[in-house]
Protein backbone atom coordinates (compact mmCIF):
# COMPACT_ATOMS: atom_id res chain seq x y z
CA MET A 1 152.85 111.22 135.16
CA ASN A 2 150.52 113.42 133.26
CA GLY A 3 148.73 110.63 131.28
CA ARG A 4 148.21 108.92 134.53
CA ASN A 5 146.51 111.69 135.98
CA GLU A 6 144.34 112.44 132.63
CA GLU A 7 143.25 109.22 132.77
CA ALA A 8 142.15 109.41 136.72
CA GLY A 9 140.56 112.88 136.28
CA LYS A 10 138.08 111.11 133.25
CA LYS A 11 137.57 108.23 135.92
CA SER A 12 136.45 110.62 138.40
CA ALA A 13 134.45 112.61 135.68
CA ARG A 14 132.73 109.13 134.17
CA LYS A 15 131.87 108.64 138.21
CA ARG A 16 130.28 112.21 138.73
CA SER A 17 128.23 111.57 135.74
CA SER A 18 126.81 107.93 136.29
CA ARG A 19 125.95 109.58 139.85
CA VAL A 20 123.98 112.18 138.36
CA LYS A 21 121.97 109.91 135.82
CA SER A 22 121.24 107.68 138.92
CA LYS A 23 119.66 110.48 140.43
CA VAL A 24 117.00 111.40 137.66
CA PRO A 25 113.40 110.63 139.07
CA LYS A 26 111.44 107.91 137.48
CA PRO A 27 107.86 107.61 136.41
CA GLY A 28 106.00 107.64 140.33
CA GLU A 29 108.57 109.35 141.93
CA GLN A 30 108.57 112.60 143.34
CA GLY A 31 110.21 115.48 140.92
CA TYR A 32 109.73 113.34 138.21
CA LEU A 33 108.56 115.31 134.90
CA THR A 34 106.99 114.12 131.98
CA ALA A 35 108.46 115.02 128.33
CA THR A 36 105.39 117.49 128.20
CA GLN A 37 106.60 119.56 131.59
CA LEU A 38 109.84 119.31 130.87
CA ARG A 39 109.61 121.08 127.51
CA ASN A 40 107.16 123.76 129.45
CA ALA A 41 109.98 124.27 132.10
CA ARG A 42 112.67 125.15 129.60
CA LYS A 43 109.96 127.71 127.69
CA ARG A 44 109.46 129.06 131.33
CA ARG A 45 113.36 129.69 131.68
CA ALA A 46 113.98 131.09 128.54
CA LYS A 47 111.15 133.51 128.72
CA LYS A 48 112.57 134.31 132.34
CA GLU A 49 116.21 134.66 130.74
CA LYS A 50 114.94 136.82 127.66
CA ARG A 51 112.94 139.04 130.32
CA LYS A 52 116.26 139.74 132.16
CA HIS A 53 118.20 140.34 129.39
CA SER A 54 115.95 142.48 127.73
CA GLY A 55 115.68 144.62 131.19
CA ALA A 56 112.06 144.43 131.29
CA VAL A 57 110.66 145.36 134.77
CA GLN A 58 107.24 143.92 136.02
CA THR A 59 105.58 146.85 138.48
CA SER A 60 103.07 146.20 141.08
CA ALA A 61 100.82 148.63 139.73
CA THR A 62 100.73 146.82 136.76
CA ASN A 63 101.48 142.91 136.90
CA ASP A 64 100.56 142.56 140.47
CA VAL A 65 96.90 143.64 140.78
CA ASP A 66 94.75 140.95 142.31
CA PRO A 67 93.06 139.67 139.48
CA SER A 68 89.79 138.92 141.64
CA CYS A 69 89.73 142.83 142.34
CA LYS A 70 89.74 143.78 138.86
CA PHE A 71 86.35 145.24 138.58
CA LEU A 72 85.39 145.97 142.16
CA LYS A 73 84.68 149.47 141.86
CA ASN A 74 82.51 149.06 139.32
CA PRO A 75 81.27 145.45 138.47
CA MET A 76 78.67 146.97 136.13
CA GLY A 77 81.85 147.85 133.69
CA ALA A 78 83.04 144.37 134.08
CA PRO A 79 83.16 143.12 129.90
CA VAL A 80 80.82 139.68 130.88
CA VAL A 81 78.06 142.33 132.40
CA GLN A 82 78.40 144.32 128.98
CA GLN A 83 77.86 141.54 127.09
CA ALA A 84 74.98 139.78 128.50
CA LYS A 85 73.15 142.88 128.81
CA ALA A 86 73.75 143.38 125.07
CA PHE A 87 72.28 139.87 124.33
CA PHE A 88 69.44 139.55 126.20
CA ASN A 89 68.06 143.24 125.64
CA ARG A 90 68.52 141.77 121.46
CA VAL A 91 66.90 138.38 122.66
CA LEU A 92 64.13 139.72 125.01
CA LEU A 93 63.11 142.54 122.88
CA GLU A 94 60.61 144.63 124.58
CA ARG A 95 61.54 143.25 128.13
CA LYS A 96 65.05 145.07 129.71
CA PHE A 97 67.67 142.49 130.82
CA PRO A 98 67.81 143.42 134.69
CA VAL A 99 71.32 142.88 136.67
CA HIS A 100 71.16 141.99 140.16
CA MET A 101 74.40 143.32 142.20
CA GLY A 102 75.21 141.91 145.67
CA ALA A 103 77.84 142.89 148.33
CA THR A 104 81.51 143.62 146.84
CA ASN A 105 83.60 142.89 149.50
CA GLY A 106 83.86 139.53 151.64
CA TRP A 107 81.51 137.55 149.69
CA ARG A 108 83.60 134.82 148.77
CA THR A 109 83.21 131.88 150.80
CA VAL A 110 85.41 129.50 148.53
CA ALA A 111 88.83 129.90 147.88
CA LYS A 112 91.33 127.60 146.06
CA LEU A 113 94.94 129.24 146.03
CA ALA A 114 97.87 128.30 144.45
CA VAL A 115 101.24 127.82 146.70
CA ARG A 116 104.95 128.38 144.77
CA PRO A 117 108.00 129.65 145.98
CA ASP A 118 108.67 133.76 146.91
CA PRO A 119 111.03 135.12 144.24
CA ASP A 120 112.93 136.62 146.84
CA THR A 121 113.42 133.99 149.70
CA ASN A 122 112.28 130.96 147.89
CA GLN A 123 109.82 130.87 151.47
CA VAL A 124 106.00 129.41 150.50
CA SER A 125 103.70 132.24 148.94
CA ILE A 126 100.06 132.04 148.59
CA GLY A 127 97.83 133.44 145.91
CA LEU A 128 96.22 133.42 142.39
CA PHE A 129 98.19 133.33 139.15
CA ALA A 130 98.03 136.02 136.86
CA PRO A 131 95.04 135.57 133.99
CA GLY A 132 97.01 132.95 131.28
CA SER A 133 100.21 132.29 133.22
CA HIS A 134 101.83 130.53 136.10
CA ARG A 135 103.23 134.00 138.18
CA LEU A 136 101.83 133.71 141.57
CA ILE A 137 100.36 137.46 143.21
CA PRO A 138 99.98 137.09 146.22
CA VAL A 139 96.56 138.09 147.85
CA PRO A 140 96.96 138.54 151.66
CA ASN A 141 94.01 140.60 152.13
CA CYS A 142 91.96 140.33 149.26
CA LYS A 143 89.03 142.16 149.28
CA ALA A 144 86.16 140.20 147.89
CA HIS A 145 87.38 136.82 150.42
CA HIS A 146 85.37 136.52 153.50
CA PRO A 147 87.70 137.89 156.68
CA SER A 148 88.08 133.99 157.62
CA ILE A 149 89.80 133.24 154.30
CA ASN A 150 92.46 136.28 154.50
CA ILE A 151 92.93 135.03 158.53
CA ALA A 152 93.63 131.42 157.43
CA VAL A 153 96.03 132.09 154.62
CA GLY A 154 97.68 134.38 157.18
CA THR A 155 98.17 132.15 159.46
CA LEU A 156 98.89 129.43 156.86
CA LEU A 157 101.88 131.58 155.71
CA ARG A 158 103.37 132.09 158.94
CA LEU A 159 103.37 128.60 159.84
CA CYS A 160 104.71 127.41 156.79
CA ARG A 161 107.56 130.14 156.85
CA GLU A 162 107.83 129.01 160.71
CA LEU A 163 108.47 125.12 159.71
CA GLY A 164 110.56 125.65 156.44
CA VAL A 165 107.81 123.60 154.49
CA MET A 166 108.89 123.54 150.73
CA PRO A 167 106.51 125.14 148.23
CA PHE A 168 106.08 123.34 144.83
CA ASP A 169 108.31 124.56 142.26
CA ASP A 170 106.65 124.44 138.35
CA GLU A 171 109.78 124.29 136.82
CA THR A 172 111.51 121.20 138.57
CA GLY A 173 108.17 119.39 140.12
CA SER A 174 110.17 119.68 143.59
CA GLY A 175 108.39 120.94 147.12
CA HIS A 176 105.39 119.49 149.17
CA LEU A 177 102.42 122.11 149.20
CA ARG A 178 100.68 122.83 145.93
CA HIS A 179 97.91 124.63 146.67
CA VAL A 180 95.75 125.69 149.53
CA ALA A 181 91.94 124.96 149.28
CA ILE A 182 89.82 127.21 151.75
CA ASN A 183 85.69 126.90 152.39
CA VAL A 184 83.98 128.92 155.12
CA GLU A 185 80.42 127.61 157.11
CA ARG A 186 78.81 130.89 157.21
CA ASP A 187 77.06 130.60 159.87
CA THR A 188 80.27 129.64 162.20
CA GLY A 189 82.73 131.92 160.50
CA LYS A 190 84.69 128.60 160.74
CA ALA A 191 87.06 127.42 157.97
CA GLN A 192 87.60 124.32 156.28
CA ILE A 193 91.29 124.07 154.85
CA THR A 194 92.69 121.41 152.33
CA LEU A 195 96.52 121.49 151.65
CA VAL A 196 97.34 119.87 148.49
CA TRP A 197 100.39 117.92 148.88
CA ASN A 198 102.46 117.03 145.98
CA SER A 199 103.08 113.41 147.11
CA GLU A 200 101.26 109.73 146.50
CA PRO A 201 99.75 108.85 149.87
CA TYR A 202 102.02 107.90 152.92
CA PRO A 203 101.80 104.58 154.62
CA ASP A 204 100.95 104.86 158.25
CA ASN A 205 103.82 103.06 159.60
CA GLU A 206 106.84 105.13 157.46
CA ASN A 207 107.97 108.28 159.50
CA GLY A 208 111.52 108.28 157.81
CA GLU A 209 109.85 110.32 154.27
CA GLU A 210 110.69 113.87 154.67
CA GLY A 211 107.30 115.22 152.93
CA LYS A 212 105.93 112.72 155.20
CA GLN A 213 107.67 114.47 158.87
CA SER A 214 106.84 118.53 157.12
CA LEU A 215 103.26 117.21 156.65
CA ASP A 216 102.59 116.07 160.19
CA LEU A 217 104.59 118.97 162.04
CA LEU A 218 102.29 121.71 159.52
CA THR A 219 99.08 119.62 160.24
CA LYS A 220 99.30 119.40 164.12
CA ALA A 221 100.49 123.14 164.08
CA ILE A 222 97.45 124.03 162.19
CA VAL A 223 95.09 122.01 164.51
CA ALA A 224 97.23 123.33 167.85
CA LYS A 225 96.73 126.96 166.61
CA GLY A 226 92.85 126.32 165.88
CA GLN A 227 92.23 124.33 169.20
CA SER A 228 93.74 127.26 170.76
CA ARG A 229 91.33 129.88 170.05
CA LYS A 230 88.56 127.27 171.47
CA ARG A 231 90.57 127.12 174.68
CA ARG A 232 91.06 130.59 175.12
CA ARG A 233 88.29 132.73 177.00
CA GLY A 234 87.64 135.90 179.10
CA LYS A 235 88.79 139.43 178.97
CA ALA A 236 91.94 139.11 176.42
CA HIS A 237 90.73 136.89 174.55
CA GLN A 238 87.05 139.52 173.84
CA ALA A 239 89.37 142.55 173.59
CA GLU A 240 91.92 140.65 170.91
CA LYS A 241 91.65 142.58 167.59
CA GLY A 242 90.24 141.32 164.41
CA THR A 243 88.62 137.97 163.35
CA PRO A 244 90.29 135.23 164.98
CA PHE A 245 91.54 131.65 163.28
CA LEU A 246 88.85 129.36 163.40
CA LEU A 247 89.19 126.10 162.30
CA HIS A 248 86.04 124.00 160.79
CA SER A 249 88.08 121.27 159.91
CA LEU A 250 91.78 120.30 158.57
CA TRP A 251 92.30 118.09 154.97
CA VAL A 252 94.63 116.93 153.05
CA HIS A 253 94.89 115.84 149.28
CA PHE A 254 97.58 114.23 148.08
CA ASN A 255 98.08 114.96 143.94
CA SER A 256 101.65 114.01 143.01
CA SER A 257 103.22 116.31 140.35
CA TRP A 258 104.31 113.59 137.91
CA LYS A 259 100.70 113.51 136.73
CA HIS A 260 100.21 116.09 133.58
CA ASP A 261 97.04 117.51 134.98
CA ASN A 262 96.12 121.15 135.85
CA ALA A 263 93.15 120.25 138.28
CA ILE A 264 93.72 121.30 141.69
CA PHE A 265 92.02 118.02 142.90
CA SER A 266 92.06 114.95 141.56
CA HIS A 267 88.42 113.45 141.65
CA THR A 268 89.90 109.68 139.84
CA ALA A 269 92.71 109.21 141.96
CA GLY A 270 90.67 107.26 144.72
CA PRO A 271 89.45 107.90 148.33
CA ASN A 272 92.95 107.44 149.47
CA CYS A 273 94.24 110.68 148.27
CA TRP A 274 92.04 112.25 150.65
CA LYS A 275 92.72 112.26 154.52
CA LEU A 276 90.68 114.08 156.93
CA VAL A 277 92.68 115.17 159.68
CA SER A 278 90.50 116.97 162.01
CA GLY A 279 87.29 118.15 162.55
CA GLU A 280 84.06 117.40 161.20
CA ARG A 281 83.65 116.07 157.69
CA TYR A 282 81.17 118.37 156.19
CA ILE A 283 80.50 121.78 156.44
CA ARG A 284 76.66 122.27 156.59
CA GLU A 285 74.54 125.18 154.77
CA GLN A 286 70.88 125.89 154.15
CA LEU A 287 69.85 128.94 151.36
CA LYS A 288 67.83 131.60 153.14
CA LEU A 289 65.06 131.43 151.24
CA ASP A 290 62.42 132.93 154.06
CA ASN A 291 59.11 132.24 154.25
CA ASP A 292 59.34 130.78 150.61
CA LEU A 293 60.71 127.57 151.94
CA PRO A 294 60.32 127.87 155.64
CA ASN A 295 62.61 124.48 156.68
CA PRO A 296 65.09 124.58 153.45
CA PRO A 297 67.65 121.58 153.11
CA MET A 298 70.29 121.38 155.13
CA LEU A 299 73.25 120.62 152.31
CA CYS A 300 76.36 118.98 153.25
CA PHE A 301 79.88 119.72 151.80
CA PRO A 302 83.49 118.25 151.95
CA PRO A 303 86.03 119.78 149.90
CA ASN A 304 85.99 117.12 147.33
CA VAL A 305 82.37 118.06 145.81
CA PHE A 306 81.73 121.80 144.00
CA ARG A 307 80.08 124.81 146.79
CA GLN A 308 79.06 127.88 144.98
CA ALA A 309 81.53 130.55 145.87
CA ASN A 310 78.86 133.26 146.43
CA LEU A 311 75.79 131.07 148.27
CA ASP A 312 73.95 134.46 149.18
CA GLN A 313 73.84 135.71 145.88
CA PHE A 314 72.86 132.26 144.51
CA THR A 315 69.89 131.98 146.77
CA GLY A 316 68.56 135.00 145.08
CA ILE A 317 69.06 132.29 141.65
CA VAL A 318 67.23 129.37 143.55
CA ARG A 319 64.26 132.19 144.63
CA ALA A 320 63.80 133.10 140.74
CA ILE A 321 63.61 129.51 139.90
CA ARG A 322 61.23 128.49 142.68
CA ARG A 323 58.88 131.27 141.57
CA ARG A 324 59.27 129.78 138.06
CA VAL A 325 59.10 126.42 138.57
CA LYS A 326 55.66 127.43 140.93
CA THR A 327 53.96 129.15 137.51
CA PHE A 328 55.15 126.34 135.42
CA THR A 329 53.37 123.55 137.99
CA LYS A 330 50.25 125.78 138.23
CA LEU A 331 49.13 125.86 134.68
CA GLN A 332 49.57 121.75 134.42
CA THR A 333 46.71 119.62 134.00
CA ASN A 334 48.63 116.69 135.04
CA LYS A 335 49.71 116.70 138.76
CA GLN A 336 52.57 114.22 138.45
CA ILE A 337 55.49 116.48 137.50
CA ASN A 338 58.92 114.92 137.18
CA CYS A 339 62.18 116.98 137.74
CA LEU A 340 65.42 116.10 136.02
CA GLU A 341 68.71 117.81 137.34
CA LEU A 342 71.57 117.97 135.34
CA TYR A 343 74.95 118.92 136.72
CA GLY A 344 73.61 118.56 140.00
CA GLY A 345 76.58 118.82 142.53
CA VAL A 346 74.90 117.89 145.55
CA GLY A 347 71.57 119.41 144.88
CA THR A 348 72.16 122.70 145.84
CA ILE A 349 69.32 123.67 143.59
CA GLY A 350 67.01 120.30 142.85
CA LEU A 351 66.85 119.85 146.55
CA ASN A 352 65.36 123.21 147.25
CA VAL A 353 62.77 122.94 144.44
CA ALA A 354 61.59 119.19 145.31
CA ASP A 355 58.82 120.17 147.48
CA LEU A 356 57.36 121.48 144.20
CA VAL A 357 57.36 118.76 142.23
CA SER A 358 55.94 115.05 142.61
CA SER A 359 60.01 113.67 141.90
CA LEU A 360 63.44 114.68 141.64
CA THR A 361 66.35 112.76 140.04
CA SER A 362 69.74 114.68 140.23
CA SER A 363 72.78 113.61 138.64
CA ASP A 364 76.39 114.81 138.58
CA GLU A 365 79.75 112.67 137.92
CA ASN A 366 81.39 113.63 140.66
CA PRO A 367 81.52 110.23 142.77
CA TYR A 368 81.83 112.18 146.20
CA ASN A 369 78.38 114.34 145.32
CA LYS A 370 75.72 110.98 146.18
CA GLU A 371 76.57 110.58 150.05
CA CYS A 372 76.27 114.46 150.67
CA PHE A 373 72.78 114.44 148.39
CA ASP A 374 71.65 111.27 149.66
CA LEU A 375 72.58 112.65 153.57
CA SER A 376 70.57 115.94 152.76
CA ALA A 377 67.60 114.60 151.34
CA ALA A 378 67.23 111.70 154.04
CA SER A 379 66.74 115.43 156.28
CA HIS A 380 64.28 116.94 153.94
CA ILE A 381 62.42 114.89 151.87
CA ARG A 382 62.11 111.03 151.64
CA GLY A 383 60.72 109.01 148.66
CA LYS A 384 60.58 111.29 146.37
CA ALA A 385 64.15 112.26 145.45
CA SER A 386 66.98 110.15 144.11
CA TYR A 387 70.26 110.56 143.17
CA VAL A 388 72.70 108.82 139.49
CA SER A 389 76.49 109.03 139.62
CA LYS A 390 76.65 110.00 135.88
CA ASN A 391 77.45 112.66 133.38
CA ALA A 392 74.93 114.70 131.86
CA THR A 393 75.76 112.91 128.28
CA SER A 394 74.94 109.35 129.70
CA MET A 395 72.08 110.63 131.64
CA VAL A 396 70.50 111.94 128.20
CA ASN A 397 71.67 108.90 126.13
CA SER A 398 70.14 106.65 128.81
CA GLY A 399 66.93 108.17 128.37
CA ALA A 400 66.62 110.03 131.39
CA LEU A 401 64.52 112.87 129.26
CA LYS A 402 61.80 110.37 128.42
CA ASN A 403 59.44 111.24 131.52
CA ALA A 404 61.24 114.45 132.24
CA ASP A 405 58.87 117.43 132.34
CA VAL A 406 61.01 119.66 134.74
CA VAL A 407 65.24 120.16 133.42
CA ILE A 408 67.42 121.71 135.20
CA VAL A 409 70.92 122.42 133.94
CA ASP A 410 73.75 123.82 135.94
CA PRO A 411 76.78 123.49 133.53
CA PRO A 412 80.22 124.32 134.58
CA ARG A 413 81.88 127.08 132.39
CA LYS A 414 82.55 125.00 129.12
CA GLY A 415 78.52 124.94 128.83
CA LEU A 416 76.70 121.87 127.71
CA GLU A 417 78.17 119.33 125.78
CA PRO A 418 77.01 118.96 121.68
CA GLU A 419 75.15 115.50 122.67
CA VAL A 420 73.01 117.18 125.82
CA VAL A 421 71.65 120.73 123.17
CA GLN A 422 71.13 117.65 120.80
CA ALA A 423 68.71 115.62 122.90
CA LEU A 424 67.21 118.80 124.86
CA ALA A 425 66.36 119.81 121.27
CA GLY A 426 64.97 116.30 120.32
CA GLU A 427 61.62 114.64 120.73
CA HIS A 428 62.22 114.01 124.52
CA ARG A 429 62.42 117.84 125.22
CA PRO A 430 60.68 118.79 128.69
CA LYS A 431 58.11 121.41 128.58
CA LEU A 432 60.53 123.89 131.34
CA LEU A 433 64.05 124.45 131.13
CA VAL A 434 65.82 125.99 133.67
CA TYR A 435 69.56 126.91 132.49
CA VAL A 436 72.30 128.21 135.45
CA SER A 437 75.31 129.66 133.61
CA CYS A 438 78.68 129.61 134.99
CA GLY A 439 80.24 130.96 131.75
CA PHE A 440 78.49 133.37 129.85
CA ARG A 441 79.91 132.94 126.27
CA ALA A 442 79.03 129.16 126.29
CA PHE A 443 75.57 129.94 127.45
CA GLN A 444 75.03 132.58 124.42
CA ARG A 445 76.25 129.47 122.35
CA ASP A 446 74.11 126.53 124.01
CA CYS A 447 71.35 129.34 123.85
CA GLU A 448 71.43 130.37 120.20
CA SER A 449 71.40 126.45 119.65
CA LEU A 450 68.40 125.88 121.45
CA SER A 451 66.74 128.25 120.14
CA SER A 452 67.26 127.38 116.35
CA SER A 453 65.54 124.30 117.19
CA ARG A 454 62.31 126.21 118.15
CA TRP A 455 63.12 126.28 121.93
């Protein structure tokens, strides 16, 4: 009798084992993790256990401070400012390196925020990762953010928790909402919101998928919330305190978890991974250059292109570039001045100096930039501006520097590729090089390399 019970127990265990094995997600399925992701998840769990047993306590005073506000009280004391001053004071010799400081509150009009489970409730939490980690720090009222971003974050947080939206989990690869990207149109204060969803695009004719149902409920709730503000009028509406939730547009970007990539957006996944749910396609911005350029181009920004987070301060950079290009053109005997822009984005710099040169060729590897550039160029300058969808290395290797008198570069934080530095220092070096830096260490490296080649 005992033998039969023991045999039955073994069969039951084998069945349970087979059922567990059959539930392991395969490549392409939701929840699938690569070998590297599984290994990293095990490491994170081990670190968690170690902290728990060692009695380590993370205090809000030391670990949960918004990293974007670290130097708001004393921006001039930020390490990068000190490094830049020391470097340029050495390079410029007799000239002092000036530092221009703008507003410290409400300047950021672009935010890409992570969504992860709240450690206590497992509900949606929205914020920034602590430096060098995937530990989320909630930022419900970031001082650096434009007020419309903070309002949008609060609205999304409430709706996600009311609807039971599942946040993305780094350890298991499960959950639906991974990130939220918010861009603010400065003139209207309206928010362009993008939900980064942990899935492949859903077929329109399928409604049974849990993730699709959750996404449909959330997008409808966001649109309804945004539209309710438009319908409300009168004294009650005017008396409402604070900044209202103003929705410019709502997008969904499908980025499934099994792709081992830390990028928030995937630019190689194809246009089907971007879906405009409601509103206008582009945020539209003009740089206020005053009398220097009375009718600046209208720049177009969908969520899948780069946009400077502080356009107010960036306008000052463009003014300085215009002054330098003007001085250069006045000294040239040849009236034909050709300008090449590398890492051009949607043409934020190039289109705002196009009136000072004979021709402008702008370029960038992001395939979504060209449409935006062409729209802005069509309304601003005709026949003298063109766009090439190539990265900077491909551009210089194809001979783009041969006829360029002025070259403008605005690379990402990693700086110029070695091939680009080599080409700029070669036989087709331009007469004027304008370098806008996003990362000072990379700029210092590139500057020293170019200086050593007698630039």
